[in-house]
Amino acid sequence: MSSINLEFLQESYLEIKEKGLFGKWITLEDILPLFEKLHGSISKEFLGKSEEGRDIFKLKFGNGKKRILIWSQMHGNESTGTKAVFDFLNFYSAYNNNDVVQEIIKNCTIEIIPMLNPDGAVAYTRINAKKVDLNRDAVDQNACESKILRSVLDKFNPKFCFNLHDQRTIFGVEGTKNPATISFLAPSEEVTRKVTKGRIETMNVIVSMNNLLQRMIPNYIGRYTDEFYPTATGDNFQKLGHNTILIEAGHYPNDYNREETRKYNYFSLIQGIYHIAVSNDFTAYEPYFDIPNNEKSFFDVIHRNDNGKDVGFLYVDEINDNRLTSRLKKEKEGDLNAYFGHHEIVFEH
């Protein structure tokens, strides 16, 4: 499998990282100014309004036959993918004559919806303004945002999709003491989770991305559960013949702003796109199943007590006085030896 030069990726990232985006609370107002500095070959199209009247846009570039659709922040409080998207767009703009970009331009046409749920982004909620989870609205399409995404899918008819999400800090990599910094999923098409031709092609791209990440953060990459969700976006798009790669951005040690995770999200995205661009054979998929499962093995903070009465806490993010704040909430008490804490405090009695 073709891989982008790792040293080049790491060195160029210092230059192309979008400095205008930082932290977890990313809104439409944050990304609007960034459209103005994109490369001239990137077109911008207004797609429609959110439930509360905020604009939803699509970006497009490339001239190739392989069509790729990318969307981020269908859950408003999951913004790491949005930061990674603009890092990718900055790379495209800064290195437009580079071989990597030229291969992508020549072989792919890419459409990106950088923020599908701008109302949820402002409120910092998973749901939209009508309390609809867009990722469970693929069938009924009750939300206008869901209708917009489906309209783009039907009109563009992509071969591959990238569905960008964030996962909670509770997830670790099975068989390790590490958090799941990036997790991948090739969604199932039906309840038996059959390995179909479309899933094989999706898994193949994920294998390429995992191979790259394992050289940088070995054993920090997980495989998200492929339980079939009949109303989920990825499952339905996969079933319709649009190979959908789910990237779940998770926790990296001492990185609650997800700035390190953002980098690995970007590396995954650009490697996956490059692999699609230069490959014609997407049949090698078996190493996908070598990626360890995600498991719920972490708390943000654990108070360890030698009397066996441990306490596990998780952070709850909230908007207060127009600022994103976090507070600890007690989640579990008892013997927590089966769990890890991103931070642990030991009390001796």
Protein backbone atom coordinates (compact mmCIF):
# COMPACT_ATOMS: atom_id res chain seq x y z
CA MET A 1 0.00 0.00 0.00
CA SER A 2 1.27 3.46 -0.90
CA SER A 3 1.97 5.70 2.05
CA ILE A 4 2.81 9.40 2.26
CA ASN A 5 6.34 10.10 3.49
CA LEU A 6 6.06 10.31 7.26
CA GLU A 7 8.84 12.84 7.82
CA PHE A 8 7.34 15.12 5.19
CA LEU A 9 3.90 14.89 6.82
CA GLN A 10 5.27 15.75 10.24
CA GLU A 11 7.48 18.60 9.07
CA SER A 12 4.84 20.18 6.84
CA TYR A 13 2.23 20.01 9.59
CA LEU A 14 4.00 22.71 11.56
CA GLU A 15 3.40 25.02 8.61
CA ILE A 16 -0.12 24.05 7.58
CA LYS A 17 -1.87 23.62 10.94
CA GLU A 18 -4.78 26.07 10.95
CA LYS A 19 -3.95 28.45 13.78
CA GLY A 20 -7.42 30.03 13.71
CA LEU A 21 -8.97 26.88 15.17
CA PHE A 22 -8.15 25.70 18.67
CA GLY A 23 -9.84 23.63 21.34
CA LYS A 24 -13.11 21.75 21.26
CA TRP A 25 -15.70 24.52 20.83
CA ILE A 26 -15.65 25.29 17.10
CA THR A 27 -18.55 27.23 15.56
CA LEU A 28 -19.56 28.56 12.15
CA GLU A 29 -18.16 31.98 13.08
CA ASP A 30 -14.76 30.34 13.56
CA ILE A 31 -14.62 28.77 10.12
CA LEU A 32 -16.22 31.48 7.96
CA PRO A 33 -13.03 33.64 7.79
CA LEU A 34 -11.01 30.58 6.76
CA PHE A 35 -12.91 30.20 3.50
CA GLU A 36 -11.37 33.44 2.25
CA LYS A 37 -7.80 32.14 2.26
CA LEU A 38 -8.39 28.84 0.52
CA HIS A 39 -6.68 28.04 -2.77
CA GLY A 40 -8.45 29.57 -5.76
CA SER A 41 -9.26 26.15 -7.22
CA ILE A 42 -11.48 25.31 -4.23
CA SER A 43 -15.07 26.33 -4.93
CA LYS A 44 -17.58 27.16 -2.20
CA GLU A 45 -21.30 26.50 -2.54
CA PHE A 46 -24.16 27.45 -0.24
CA LEU A 47 -26.26 24.34 0.44
CA GLY A 48 -29.03 25.69 2.66
CA LYS A 49 -29.93 26.75 6.17
CA SER A 50 -29.90 24.92 9.47
CA GLU A 51 -33.03 24.69 11.62
CA GLU A 52 -32.09 28.01 13.25
CA GLY A 53 -31.13 29.65 9.97
CA ARG A 54 -27.35 29.25 9.95
CA ASP A 55 -25.60 28.68 6.64
CA ILE A 56 -24.32 25.27 5.57
CA PHE A 57 -21.61 25.21 2.91
CA LYS A 58 -19.88 22.73 0.65
CA LEU A 59 -16.32 22.98 -0.68
CA LYS A 60 -15.21 21.23 -3.86
CA PHE A 61 -11.93 20.61 -5.70
CA GLY A 62 -10.18 18.07 -7.90
CA ASN A 63 -10.74 16.76 -11.42
CA GLY A 64 -10.60 12.99 -11.03
CA LYS A 65 -13.13 10.21 -11.52
CA LYS A 66 -12.94 8.93 -7.94
CA ARG A 67 -15.52 10.90 -6.00
CA ILE A 68 -15.00 11.42 -2.26
CA LEU A 69 -17.49 13.08 0.14
CA ILE A 70 -16.35 14.29 3.56
CA TRP A 71 -18.48 15.79 6.32
CA SER A 72 -17.76 16.89 9.87
CA GLN A 73 -19.67 18.07 12.94
CA MET A 74 -22.94 16.33 12.24
CA HIS A 75 -22.70 16.21 16.04
CA GLY A 76 -22.16 19.81 17.03
CA ASN A 77 -19.85 19.07 19.95
CA GLU A 78 -17.53 16.84 17.89
CA SER A 79 -15.14 19.27 16.24
CA THR A 80 -11.76 17.53 15.95
CA GLY A 81 -12.56 16.43 12.41
CA THR A 82 -13.40 20.00 11.45
CA LYS A 83 -9.97 21.17 12.59
CA ALA A 84 -8.38 18.29 10.65
CA VAL A 85 -10.36 19.21 7.52
CA PHE A 86 -9.00 22.76 7.53
CA ASP A 87 -5.49 21.47 8.16
CA PHE A 88 -5.97 19.31 5.05
CA LEU A 89 -7.29 22.26 3.05
CA ASN A 90 -4.26 24.32 4.15
CA PHE A 91 -1.96 21.52 2.99
CA TYR A 92 -3.75 21.49 -0.36
CA SER A 93 -3.34 25.25 -0.68
CA ALA A 94 0.29 25.43 0.48
CA TYR A 95 1.55 22.37 -1.40
CA ASN A 96 -0.58 22.53 -4.51
CA ASN A 97 2.32 21.52 -6.76
CA ASN A 98 3.43 18.67 -4.50
CA ASP A 99 3.16 15.12 -5.88
CA VAL A 100 0.69 14.12 -3.15
CA VAL A 101 -1.71 16.94 -4.01
CA GLN A 102 -1.26 16.44 -7.73
CA GLU A 103 -2.16 12.76 -7.46
CA ILE A 104 -5.27 13.67 -5.46
CA ILE A 105 -6.31 16.40 -7.93
CA LYS A 106 -5.72 14.18 -10.95
CA ASN A 107 -7.57 11.13 -9.66
CA CYS A 108 -10.21 12.46 -7.26
CA THR A 109 -13.02 14.96 -7.04
CA ILE A 110 -13.64 15.87 -3.42
CA GLU A 111 -16.62 17.55 -1.78
CA ILE A 112 -16.48 18.62 1.87
CA ILE A 113 -19.21 19.79 4.23
CA PRO A 114 -17.03 21.15 7.03
CA MET A 115 -19.90 21.79 9.47
CA LEU A 116 -23.21 20.00 8.96
CA ASN A 117 -24.76 20.99 12.31
CA PRO A 118 -23.90 24.65 12.99
CA ASP A 119 -26.73 25.01 15.55
CA GLY A 120 -25.39 22.14 17.61
CA ALA A 121 -21.92 23.62 17.28
CA VAL A 122 -23.01 26.91 18.88
CA ALA A 123 -24.91 25.16 21.67
CA TYR A 124 -22.13 22.56 22.00
CA THR A 125 -24.59 19.69 21.80
CA ARG A 126 -24.64 16.39 19.95
CA ILE A 127 -28.15 17.05 18.61
CA ASN A 128 -29.47 19.78 16.31
CA ALA A 129 -31.81 22.62 17.30
CA LYS A 130 -34.86 20.30 17.06
CA LYS A 131 -33.15 17.75 19.31
CA VAL A 132 -32.55 15.36 16.42
CA ASP A 133 -29.42 13.23 16.36
CA LEU A 134 -28.42 13.62 12.71
CA ASN A 135 -26.45 10.38 12.89
CA ARG A 136 -29.67 8.49 13.60
CA ASP A 137 -31.79 10.38 11.07
CA ALA A 138 -30.62 8.82 7.81
CA VAL A 139 -33.93 7.06 7.15
CA ASP A 140 -36.61 9.48 8.35
CA GLN A 141 -34.63 12.65 7.51
CA ASN A 142 -36.65 14.71 9.96
CA ALA A 143 -33.95 17.41 10.16
CA CYS A 144 -33.23 19.83 7.36
CA GLU A 145 -29.51 19.14 7.88
CA SER A 146 -30.12 15.44 7.18
CA LYS A 147 -31.97 16.34 3.99
CA ILE A 148 -29.05 18.52 2.88
CA LEU A 149 -26.52 15.75 3.43
CA ARG A 150 -28.64 13.21 1.60
CA SER A 151 -29.18 15.62 -1.29
CA VAL A 152 -25.43 16.10 -1.67
CA LEU A 153 -24.89 12.32 -1.52
CA ASP A 154 -27.50 11.58 -4.19
CA LYS A 155 -26.31 14.32 -6.53
CA PHE A 156 -22.58 13.70 -6.13
CA ASN A 157 -22.75 9.88 -5.96
CA PRO A 158 -19.41 9.38 -4.17
CA LYS A 159 -17.49 6.12 -4.24
CA PHE A 160 -16.01 6.85 -0.80
CA CYS A 161 -17.18 8.91 2.18
CA PHE A 162 -15.38 10.07 5.31
CA ASN A 163 -17.70 10.51 8.30
CA LEU A 164 -15.79 12.47 10.97
CA HIS A 165 -16.70 12.15 14.65
CA ASP A 166 -15.31 12.44 18.17
CA GLN A 167 -15.54 9.68 20.76
CA ARG A 168 -15.56 10.05 24.51
CA THR A 169 -12.53 9.77 26.77
CA ILE A 170 -13.86 6.48 28.16
CA PHE A 171 -12.49 4.42 25.27
CA GLY A 172 -9.23 2.52 25.42
CA VAL A 173 -7.44 0.12 23.10
CA GLU A 174 -8.18 -3.49 23.99
CA GLY A 175 -5.19 -5.32 25.46
CA THR A 176 -3.31 -2.12 26.33
CA LYS A 177 -3.32 0.62 28.94
CA ASN A 178 -3.67 3.26 26.21
CA PRO A 179 -6.59 5.50 25.30
CA ALA A 180 -8.07 5.07 21.83
CA THR A 181 -6.74 8.24 20.23
CA ILE A 182 -8.13 7.37 16.80
CA SER A 183 -10.66 4.64 16.09
CA PHE A 184 -11.87 3.43 12.73
CA LEU A 185 -14.99 1.68 11.50
CA ALA A 186 -16.17 0.11 8.27
CA PRO A 187 -19.92 0.20 9.00
CA SER A 188 -22.08 -2.88 8.60
CA GLU A 189 -24.76 -3.00 5.92
CA GLU A 190 -27.13 -5.31 7.78
CA VAL A 191 -27.57 -7.04 11.13
CA THR A 192 -25.32 -10.05 10.42
CA ARG A 193 -22.35 -7.73 9.77
CA LYS A 194 -21.51 -9.60 6.57
CA VAL A 195 -18.20 -8.65 4.98
CA THR A 196 -19.52 -7.34 1.67
CA LYS A 197 -17.58 -6.00 -1.31
CA GLY A 198 -18.25 -2.44 -0.14
CA ARG A 199 -17.06 -3.16 3.40
CA ILE A 200 -13.93 -4.83 2.02
CA GLU A 201 -13.11 -1.68 0.05
CA THR A 202 -13.79 0.46 3.11
CA MET A 203 -11.62 -1.78 5.30
CA ASN A 204 -8.82 -1.56 2.74
CA VAL A 205 -8.64 2.22 3.09
CA ILE A 206 -8.70 1.91 6.88
CA VAL A 207 -5.79 -0.56 6.75
CA SER A 208 -3.79 2.07 4.87
CA MET A 209 -4.57 4.74 7.47
CA ASN A 210 -3.85 2.39 10.36
CA ASN A 211 -0.49 1.40 8.87
CA LEU A 212 0.58 5.04 8.87
CA LEU A 213 -0.65 5.81 12.39
CA GLN A 214 0.92 2.71 13.92
CA ARG A 215 4.31 4.12 12.95
CA MET A 216 3.61 7.28 14.98
CA ILE A 217 1.39 6.25 17.88
CA PRO A 218 1.59 2.46 18.03
CA ASN A 219 -1.17 0.80 20.06
CA TYR A 220 -3.23 3.99 20.33
CA ILE A 221 -5.58 3.02 17.48
CA GLY A 222 -8.82 1.13 18.02
CA ARG A 223 -11.60 -0.45 15.97
CA TYR A 224 -15.09 0.88 16.69
CA THR A 225 -17.93 -1.59 17.12
CA ASP A 226 -19.57 -2.63 13.84
CA GLU A 227 -22.97 -3.30 15.40
CA PHE A 228 -25.58 -2.49 12.77
CA TYR A 229 -27.73 0.59 13.45
CA PRO A 230 -30.68 0.65 10.99
CA THR A 231 -31.11 4.45 11.15
CA ALA A 232 -27.42 5.45 11.28
CA THR A 233 -25.86 7.51 8.52
CA GLY A 234 -22.76 5.43 7.92
CA ASP A 235 -24.64 2.13 7.92
CA ASN A 236 -27.20 3.42 5.42
CA PHE A 237 -24.69 5.10 3.13
CA GLN A 238 -22.60 1.92 3.14
CA LYS A 239 -25.69 -0.10 2.29
CA LEU A 240 -26.46 2.27 -0.60
CA GLY A 241 -23.04 1.57 -2.13
CA HIS A 242 -21.10 4.58 -0.84
CA ASN A 243 -18.11 3.15 1.02
CA THR A 244 -18.14 5.06 4.31
CA ILE A 245 -15.05 5.36 6.50
CA LEU A 246 -15.82 6.42 10.05
CA ILE A 247 -13.01 8.20 11.91
CA GLU A 248 -13.58 8.63 15.64
CA ALA A 249 -11.18 11.12 17.25
CA GLY A 250 -10.51 10.24 20.88
CA HIS A 251 -8.23 11.12 23.76
CA TYR A 252 -4.45 11.43 23.75
CA PRO A 253 -2.61 11.75 27.09
CA ASN A 254 -2.94 15.28 28.55
CA ASP A 255 -4.69 16.50 25.40
CA TYR A 256 -8.17 17.57 26.49
CA ASN A 257 -8.19 20.26 23.80
CA ARG A 258 -7.64 17.49 21.25
CA GLU A 259 -4.83 19.29 19.49
CA GLU A 260 -2.58 16.21 19.32
CA THR A 261 -5.55 14.07 18.33
CA ARG A 262 -6.38 16.60 15.65
CA LYS A 263 -2.94 16.02 14.08
CA TYR A 264 -3.47 12.26 13.90
CA ASN A 265 -6.97 12.81 12.56
CA TYR A 266 -5.47 14.92 9.78
CA PHE A 267 -2.77 12.34 9.06
CA SER A 268 -5.47 9.66 8.81
CA LEU A 269 -7.61 11.75 6.49
CA ILE A 270 -4.88 12.74 4.05
CA GLN A 271 -3.43 9.22 3.97
CA GLY A 272 -6.86 7.73 3.30
CA ILE A 273 -7.54 10.18 0.47
CA TYR A 274 -4.08 9.62 -1.02
CA HIS A 275 -4.54 5.85 -0.87
CA ILE A 276 -7.84 6.15 -2.72
CA ALA A 277 -6.21 8.43 -5.29
CA VAL A 278 -3.28 6.16 -6.20
CA SER A 279 -4.85 2.71 -5.73
CA ASN A 280 -6.92 0.64 -8.10
CA ASP A 281 -7.07 -2.51 -5.99
CA PHE A 282 -9.06 -2.29 -2.75
CA THR A 283 -9.33 -6.01 -2.00
CA ALA A 284 -6.73 -6.44 0.77
CA TYR A 285 -8.73 -6.11 3.96
CA GLU A 286 -7.78 -8.84 6.45
CA PRO A 287 -5.44 -6.64 8.60
CA TYR A 288 -8.49 -4.53 9.46
CA PHE A 289 -9.46 -7.22 11.95
CA ASP A 290 -6.02 -7.03 13.55
CA ILE A 291 -6.85 -3.54 14.84
CA PRO A 292 -7.79 -4.01 18.52
CA ASN A 293 -11.34 -3.30 19.60
CA ASN A 294 -12.36 -0.17 21.43
CA GLU A 295 -13.27 -0.93 25.01
CA LYS A 296 -14.80 1.20 27.74
CA SER A 297 -11.84 1.11 30.09
CA PHE A 298 -11.16 4.71 31.19
CA PHE A 299 -12.33 7.42 33.53
CA ASP A 300 -10.97 10.94 33.38
CA VAL A 301 -10.04 10.81 37.06
CA ILE A 302 -9.94 7.88 39.46
CA HIS A 303 -9.56 8.24 43.20
CA ARG A 304 -7.87 5.03 44.32
CA ASN A 305 -8.60 3.97 47.90
CA ASP A 306 -6.82 1.10 49.62
CA ASN A 307 -10.13 0.05 51.17
CA GLY A 308 -11.43 -0.92 47.71
CA LYS A 309 -13.87 1.98 47.50
CA ASP A 310 -12.53 3.69 44.39
CA VAL A 311 -14.36 6.57 42.72
CA GLY A 312 -14.39 7.24 38.98
CA PHE A 313 -15.12 10.69 37.53
CA LEU A 314 -15.79 11.95 34.01
CA TYR A 315 -15.66 15.53 32.75
CA VAL A 316 -18.91 17.16 31.67
CA ASP A 317 -18.43 19.98 29.13
CA GLU A 318 -20.83 22.94 29.28
CA ILE A 319 -21.16 26.44 27.88
CA ASN A 320 -21.22 28.99 30.70
CA ASP A 321 -21.00 32.77 30.11
CA ASN A 322 -20.06 32.10 26.49
CA ARG A 323 -17.13 29.92 27.50
CA LEU A 324 -16.62 26.17 27.32
CA THR A 325 -16.13 24.86 30.85
CA SER A 326 -15.61 21.37 32.23
CA ARG A 327 -16.59 19.93 35.58
CA LEU A 328 -16.01 16.53 37.09
CA LYS A 329 -19.02 14.30 37.68
CA LYS A 330 -18.89 11.15 39.79
CA GLU A 331 -19.80 8.14 37.62
CA LYS A 332 -18.92 4.96 39.48
CA GLU A 333 -17.87 3.79 42.93
CA GLY A 334 -16.35 0.54 44.11
CA ASP A 335 -13.49 -1.66 42.97
CA LEU A 336 -12.22 0.00 39.76
CA ASN A 337 -9.12 -2.12 39.27
CA ALA A 338 -10.43 -3.11 35.84
CA TYR A 339 -10.33 0.54 34.75
CA PHE A 340 -7.63 3.12 34.06
CA GLY A 341 -7.69 6.81 34.86
CA HIS A 342 -6.28 9.49 32.60
CA HIS A 343 -5.35 10.92 35.96
CA GLU A 344 -5.24 8.93 39.19
CA ILE A 345 -4.99 10.00 42.80
CA VAL A 346 -4.12 7.40 45.43
CA PHE A 347 -5.46 7.78 48.97
CA GLU A 348 -3.96 5.77 51.79
CA HIS A 349 -5.96 5.26 54.97
